[in-house]
Structures are given as structure tokens and as C-alpha cells.
């Protein structure tokens, strides 16, 4: 498949990011409505839907770093939008779109749920045993990074073949 770049690359990344943001925000709202007082065990001992608020980054890292993380998210979005203008493999553009969507999904919480500009807590709602509670934005960032690693691996293998 030909590489994505220019307007097409930006469009693909923005569509992927937009779908991710919408799914993230809808599921966060549903968790705020349904799981605050009563977590639901989906798979006993394995998966629980719950409600939590996280002032830090993905998977509860960097607690109380909301302002710095919000600024980092804005910078990441700018870098991604600039980056996808250059020709890139589809997998890489989709990965960058997922990372951008995750950054924006959590950024919306930081803006909308705090007293200051970027100090709001992010809603987390997916819980596995012995693992921090997370959300779809965190998942999008993680899957996006994995796709970027796969794309880099594929590019290096292709370069080796000549």
C-alpha cells in the first residue's frame, strides 16, 4: 500500500484520533454514571469496570503532573500533525492517530474537570488485578506506540532486504 502523507496523512490520523476521542469520552461518561458507587465485575477476578479519577498520566503515573501533562499533550498533537504530513506507512499513521486521540481524550478531562486550565483529573474505569485502573485514551496511546514499534520493525526488515 502506498504511504500516507500530506492532506491524506493528516486526514487519516485525524479520523483515527477523532474516533478514539469520541469512544473515550463516551465510555468515561458512562463510567461516571454507572460505576461510581457500584463497580461491575465483568469477568470475576479478571476484569472490573469501576470509576476512578487520576491526576497523573496513563496508568496512574506522574501523579499531580496534570498541567505539565496537558502541555505535553498539546505539543504531542502538534508534532503528530506536522509528522503525518510526510509520507508514512499506513500502520505508522494509524499508530500516530491513536496516540493523538489518547492525548486529546485525556486532555479534554484535564481541561473540563478541573478548576484551573489543565489541572482536571482524568476518569479511569478499566481495572485488571494488580494493574493500575486505566481508560480507552490510555489504551489508544499504548496500542499506538505498539503499532509504531511494529512499523519501525517492518521498515528495518524491508531495509535489510534491500
Protein backbone atom coordinates (compact mmCIF):
# COMPACT_ATOMS: atom_id res chain seq x y z
CA UNK A 1 0.00 0.00 0.00
CA UNK A 2 1.39 3.45 -0.86
CA UNK A 3 2.47 5.65 2.04
CA UNK A 4 0.18 8.28 3.51
CA UNK A 5 1.30 11.88 3.59
CA UNK A 6 0.15 15.42 3.04
CA UNK A 7 -3.55 16.05 3.44
CA UNK A 8 -4.37 12.34 3.24
CA UNK A 9 -1.97 11.51 6.07
CA UNK A 10 -3.34 14.29 8.24
CA UNK A 11 -6.91 13.24 7.42
CA UNK A 12 -6.31 9.58 8.31
CA UNK A 13 -4.61 10.46 11.60
CA UNK A 14 -7.37 12.94 12.50
CA UNK A 15 -10.14 10.42 11.70
CA UNK A 16 -8.46 7.74 13.85
CA UNK A 17 -7.91 10.28 16.64
CA UNK A 18 -11.50 11.54 16.46
CA UNK A 19 -12.96 8.04 16.70
CA UNK A 20 -10.68 7.38 19.68
CA UNK A 21 -11.65 10.61 21.44
CA UNK A 22 -15.38 10.03 20.95
CA UNK A 23 -15.18 6.44 22.24
CA UNK A 24 -13.02 7.55 25.18
CA UNK A 25 -15.31 10.39 26.22
CA UNK A 26 -18.50 8.33 25.86
CA UNK A 27 -17.09 5.47 27.93
CA UNK A 28 -15.79 7.86 30.59
CA UNK A 29 -19.23 9.44 30.85
CA UNK A 30 -20.87 6.03 31.13
CA UNK A 31 -18.44 5.04 33.87
CA UNK A 32 -19.23 8.26 35.76
CA UNK A 33 -22.92 7.41 35.56
CA UNK A 34 -22.85 3.67 36.22
CA UNK A 35 -19.72 2.68 38.14
CA UNK A 36 -19.12 5.40 40.78
CA UNK A 37 -20.87 3.62 43.62
CA UNK A 38 -21.00 0.13 42.22
CA UNK A 39 -18.14 -1.38 40.25
CA UNK A 40 -19.24 -4.19 37.97
CA UNK A 41 -17.17 -7.34 37.79
CA UNK A 42 -17.27 -8.34 34.12
CA UNK A 43 -15.03 -11.42 34.39
CA UNK A 44 -14.74 -12.47 38.05
CA UNK A 45 -11.22 -12.00 39.32
CA UNK A 46 -10.03 -10.69 35.94
CA UNK A 47 -11.87 -7.59 34.69
CA UNK A 48 -13.87 -4.99 36.60
CA UNK A 49 -15.44 -1.78 35.35
CA UNK A 50 -15.09 0.83 38.07
CA UNK A 51 -14.72 4.58 38.45
CA UNK A 52 -11.59 6.43 39.42
CA UNK A 53 -10.06 9.84 39.00
CA UNK A 54 -6.39 10.17 38.11
CA UNK A 55 -4.46 13.44 38.41
CA UNK A 56 -1.47 11.88 36.64
CA UNK A 57 -0.62 10.20 33.36
CA UNK A 58 -1.50 6.89 31.76
CA UNK A 59 -1.78 4.03 34.21
CA UNK A 60 -1.58 6.41 37.24
CA UNK A 61 2.00 7.57 36.61
CA UNK A 62 3.19 11.13 37.39
CA UNK A 63 0.53 11.94 39.99
CA UNK A 64 -0.33 15.65 40.23
CA UNK A 65 1.51 16.44 37.00
CA UNK A 66 -1.67 17.46 35.18
CA UNK A 67 -0.52 20.86 33.93
CA UNK A 68 2.76 19.52 32.59
CA UNK A 69 0.96 16.53 31.05
CA UNK A 70 -1.62 18.83 29.44
CA UNK A 71 1.11 20.93 27.84
CA UNK A 72 2.89 17.74 26.73
CA UNK A 73 -0.36 16.53 25.12
CA UNK A 74 -0.71 19.79 23.18
CA UNK A 75 2.90 19.55 22.00
CA UNK A 76 2.39 15.89 21.02
CA UNK A 77 -0.67 16.75 18.93
CA UNK A 78 1.28 19.47 17.12
CA UNK A 79 4.24 17.19 16.47
CA UNK A 80 1.98 14.38 15.22
CA UNK A 81 0.04 16.67 12.87
CA UNK A 82 3.33 18.00 11.49
CA UNK A 83 4.78 14.50 11.23
CA UNK A 84 1.93 12.87 9.29
CA UNK A 85 2.32 15.43 6.52
CA UNK A 86 5.37 13.42 5.44
CA UNK A 87 4.82 10.10 3.62
CA UNK A 88 4.48 7.28 6.16
CA UNK A 89 3.21 3.70 6.10
CA UNK A 90 -0.45 3.22 6.99
CA UNK A 91 0.40 1.40 10.23
CA UNK A 92 2.52 4.31 11.37
CA UNK A 93 -0.15 6.91 10.57
CA UNK A 94 -2.80 4.85 12.39
CA UNK A 95 -0.44 4.49 15.37
CA UNK A 96 0.16 8.24 15.45
CA UNK A 97 -3.60 8.82 15.19
CA UNK A 98 -4.21 6.55 18.19
CA UNK A 99 -1.55 8.35 20.22
CA UNK A 100 -3.05 11.71 19.26
CA UNK A 101 -6.57 10.52 20.13
CA UNK A 102 -5.40 9.26 23.52
CA UNK A 103 -3.62 12.51 24.26
CA UNK A 104 -6.68 14.57 23.30
CA UNK A 105 -9.11 12.30 25.19
CA UNK A 106 -7.22 12.76 28.44
CA UNK A 107 -6.58 16.44 27.67
CA UNK A 108 -10.34 17.05 27.47
CA UNK A 109 -10.66 15.73 31.05
CA UNK A 110 -7.78 17.91 32.23
CA UNK A 111 -9.44 20.99 30.72
CA UNK A 112 -13.08 20.24 31.58
CA UNK A 113 -12.80 18.63 35.02
CA UNK A 114 -10.54 20.99 36.93
CA UNK A 115 -10.71 24.42 38.50
CA UNK A 116 -7.70 25.67 36.54
CA UNK A 117 -6.91 25.30 32.86
CA UNK A 118 -5.13 21.93 32.86
CA UNK A 119 -5.50 20.57 36.39
CA UNK A 120 -8.54 18.32 36.00
CA UNK A 121 -8.44 14.66 36.91
CA UNK A 122 -8.78 12.05 34.18
CA UNK A 123 -11.52 9.43 34.54
CA UNK A 124 -10.22 5.86 34.59
CA UNK A 125 -12.57 2.88 34.60
CA UNK A 126 -10.98 -0.37 33.35
CA UNK A 127 -9.40 -2.50 36.06
CA UNK A 128 -7.41 -5.71 35.96
CA UNK A 129 -5.93 -7.28 39.10
CA UNK A 130 -2.51 -5.93 40.13
CA UNK A 131 -2.63 -3.26 37.41
CA UNK A 132 -3.50 0.46 37.58
CA UNK A 133 -7.01 1.47 36.52
CA UNK A 134 -7.00 2.97 33.01
CA UNK A 135 -9.26 4.19 30.19
CA UNK A 136 -9.56 3.98 26.41
CA UNK A 137 -7.32 7.02 25.90
CA UNK A 138 -4.53 5.26 27.80
CA UNK A 139 -5.18 2.15 25.71
CA UNK A 140 -5.05 4.18 22.48
CA UNK A 141 -1.67 5.62 23.43
CA UNK A 142 -0.34 2.18 24.32
CA UNK A 143 -1.65 0.48 21.17
CA UNK A 144 -0.40 3.41 19.08
CA UNK A 145 3.12 3.00 20.48
CA UNK A 146 2.99 -0.75 19.78
CA UNK A 147 1.91 -0.06 16.19
CA UNK A 148 4.78 2.41 15.81
CA UNK A 149 7.24 -0.23 17.06
CA UNK A 150 5.81 -2.78 14.61
CA UNK A 151 6.04 -0.24 11.76
CA UNK A 152 9.67 0.51 12.65
CA UNK A 153 10.46 -3.21 12.78
CA UNK A 154 8.82 -3.74 9.38
CA UNK A 155 10.77 -0.81 7.91
CA UNK A 156 14.06 -2.18 9.25
CA UNK A 157 13.34 -5.63 7.82
CA UNK A 158 12.45 -4.10 4.48
CA UNK A 159 15.68 -2.08 4.51
CA UNK A 160 17.68 -5.24 5.23
CA UNK A 161 16.15 -6.93 2.18
CA UNK A 162 17.32 -4.08 0.03
